Amino acid sequence: QVQLVESGGGLVQAGGSLRLSCAASRSIFRINVADWYRQAPGKQRELVAAITSGGSTNYADFVKGRFTISRDNAKSTVYLQMNSLKPEDTAVYYCKATFSPFPSGDYWGQGVQVTVSS
């Protein structure tokens, strides 16, 4: 059994930075592809960033130039570096990942709160 454990959320003022981490509970299981999503109150969950097993990345337009997704395969961990934070970035952030070659299916982190004050 494996879980994704998120950390790094919190309260920050506008213009500040946070780094979120998403780690496999058992590092022997290799993360394949991973995404970061966020969900604000009253809104649908939306994709923020994605990274492939080879390190290719994609970003939503509203975070381009401010957020960076990365990975450390030795630690079975995916990161989201969040810079120049805005109040509208306030949301619960979730990571989602698949593993290679097993276990199969999508796995979700528990979610962490990010709050950006003006």
Protein backbone atom coordinates (compact mmCIF):
# COMPACT_ATOMS: atom_id res chain seq x y z
CA GLN A 1 0.00 0.00 0.00
CA VAL A 2 1.26 3.48 -0.85
CA GLN A 3 0.00 6.99 -0.11
CA LEU A 4 0.89 10.48 -1.29
CA VAL A 5 1.69 12.78 1.62
CA GLU A 6 1.56 16.54 1.04
CA SER A 7 3.28 19.24 3.07
CA GLY A 8 4.31 22.89 2.84
CA GLY A 9 1.01 24.75 2.88
CA GLY A 10 0.31 27.73 5.07
CA LEU A 11 -0.37 31.45 5.25
CA VAL A 12 1.73 33.90 3.27
CA GLN A 13 1.39 37.54 2.27
CA ALA A 14 0.93 38.61 -1.33
CA GLY A 15 4.20 38.51 -3.25
CA GLY A 16 5.63 35.80 -1.03
CA SER A 17 6.58 32.20 -1.76
CA LEU A 18 5.77 28.68 -0.63
CA ARG A 19 7.01 25.26 -1.68
CA LEU A 20 4.63 22.32 -1.62
CA SER A 21 5.88 18.74 -1.46
CA CYS A 22 4.15 15.51 -2.44
CA ALA A 23 5.99 12.38 -1.34
CA ALA A 24 5.25 8.71 -1.78
CA SER A 25 4.95 7.02 1.59
CA ARG A 26 7.17 4.23 0.31
CA SER A 27 10.06 5.48 -1.79
CA ILE A 28 10.62 2.14 -3.51
CA PHE A 29 7.56 2.97 -5.63
CA ARG A 30 8.54 5.28 -8.47
CA ILE A 31 6.27 8.17 -9.36
CA ASN A 32 5.49 8.17 -13.07
CA VAL A 33 3.53 11.32 -13.96
CA ALA A 34 2.25 13.87 -11.47
CA ASP A 35 -0.12 16.83 -11.43
CA TRP A 36 -0.95 19.61 -9.02
CA TYR A 37 -4.58 20.74 -8.75
CA ARG A 38 -6.25 23.37 -6.64
CA GLN A 39 -9.78 24.02 -5.47
CA ALA A 40 -11.02 27.31 -4.09
CA PRO A 41 -14.31 27.67 -2.18
CA GLY A 42 -17.29 27.49 -4.52
CA LYS A 43 -15.14 26.60 -7.54
CA GLN A 44 -14.34 23.44 -9.45
CA ARG A 45 -11.00 21.75 -9.02
CA GLU A 46 -8.57 23.00 -11.66
CA LEU A 47 -5.26 21.77 -13.01
CA VAL A 48 -2.29 23.93 -12.03
CA ALA A 49 0.78 22.09 -13.34
CA ALA A 50 1.89 18.72 -14.65
CA ILE A 51 5.17 16.86 -15.00
CA THR A 52 6.04 13.70 -16.92
CA SER A 53 8.39 10.92 -15.92
CA GLY A 54 11.04 12.55 -18.11
CA GLY A 55 10.65 15.97 -16.52
CA SER A 56 8.60 17.74 -19.19
CA THR A 57 6.25 20.31 -17.67
CA ASN A 58 3.03 22.12 -18.48
CA TYR A 59 1.32 24.96 -16.63
CA ALA A 60 -2.01 26.67 -16.48
CA ASP A 61 -1.87 30.18 -17.91
CA PHE A 62 -2.65 31.79 -14.57
CA VAL A 63 0.55 30.44 -12.97
CA LYS A 64 3.04 30.59 -15.84
CA GLY A 65 6.16 32.48 -14.85
CA ARG A 66 5.32 32.21 -11.16
CA PHE A 67 5.07 28.49 -10.31
CA THR A 68 7.54 25.69 -11.03
CA ILE A 69 6.82 21.97 -10.82
CA SER A 70 9.80 19.66 -10.31
CA ARG A 71 10.65 16.19 -9.09
CA ASP A 72 13.31 14.30 -7.16
CA ASN A 73 13.10 10.69 -8.25
CA ALA A 74 15.54 9.49 -5.59
CA LYS A 75 13.12 10.77 -2.94
CA SER A 76 9.94 9.80 -4.81
CA THR A 77 8.81 13.40 -4.35
CA VAL A 78 7.20 16.06 -6.52
CA TYR A 79 7.37 19.77 -5.67
CA LEU A 80 5.48 22.91 -6.53
CA GLN A 81 7.47 26.10 -6.01
CA MET A 82 5.05 29.01 -5.77
CA ASN A 83 6.45 32.52 -6.17
CA SER A 84 4.83 35.94 -6.49
CA LEU A 85 1.72 34.62 -4.81
CA LYS A 86 -1.57 36.46 -5.24
CA PRO A 87 -4.71 36.40 -3.09
CA GLU A 88 -6.52 34.58 -5.91
CA ASP A 89 -4.08 31.68 -5.47
CA THR A 90 -5.80 30.89 -2.17
CA ALA A 91 -7.10 27.31 -2.37
CA VAL A 92 -6.60 23.76 -1.23
CA TYR A 93 -3.83 22.23 -3.33
CA TYR A 94 -3.82 18.54 -4.21
CA CYS A 95 -1.22 16.38 -5.90
CA LYS A 96 -2.13 13.44 -8.10
CA ALA A 97 0.28 10.82 -9.35
CA THR A 98 0.62 7.46 -11.01
CA PHE A 99 3.31 4.94 -10.19
CA SER A 100 5.49 2.80 -12.41
CA PRO A 101 5.16 -0.07 -12.78
CA PHE A 102 2.84 -0.51 -9.81
CA PRO A 103 0.51 0.00 -8.06
CA SER A 104 -1.91 0.87 -10.81
CA GLY A 105 -4.33 3.78 -10.97
CA ASP A 106 -4.34 7.41 -9.86
CA TYR A 107 -3.40 8.39 -6.31
CA TRP A 108 -4.27 11.67 -4.59
CA GLY A 109 -2.63 13.53 -1.75
CA GLN A 110 -4.70 14.67 1.21
CA GLY A 111 -4.64 18.35 0.19
CA VAL A 112 -2.98 21.33 1.87
CA GLN A 113 -4.39 24.80 2.47
CA VAL A 114 -2.62 27.76 0.88
CA THR A 115 -3.85 31.17 1.98
CA VAL A 116 -2.47 34.39 0.50
CA SER A 117 -3.30 37.63 2.28
CA SER A 118 -3.29 41.14 0.81
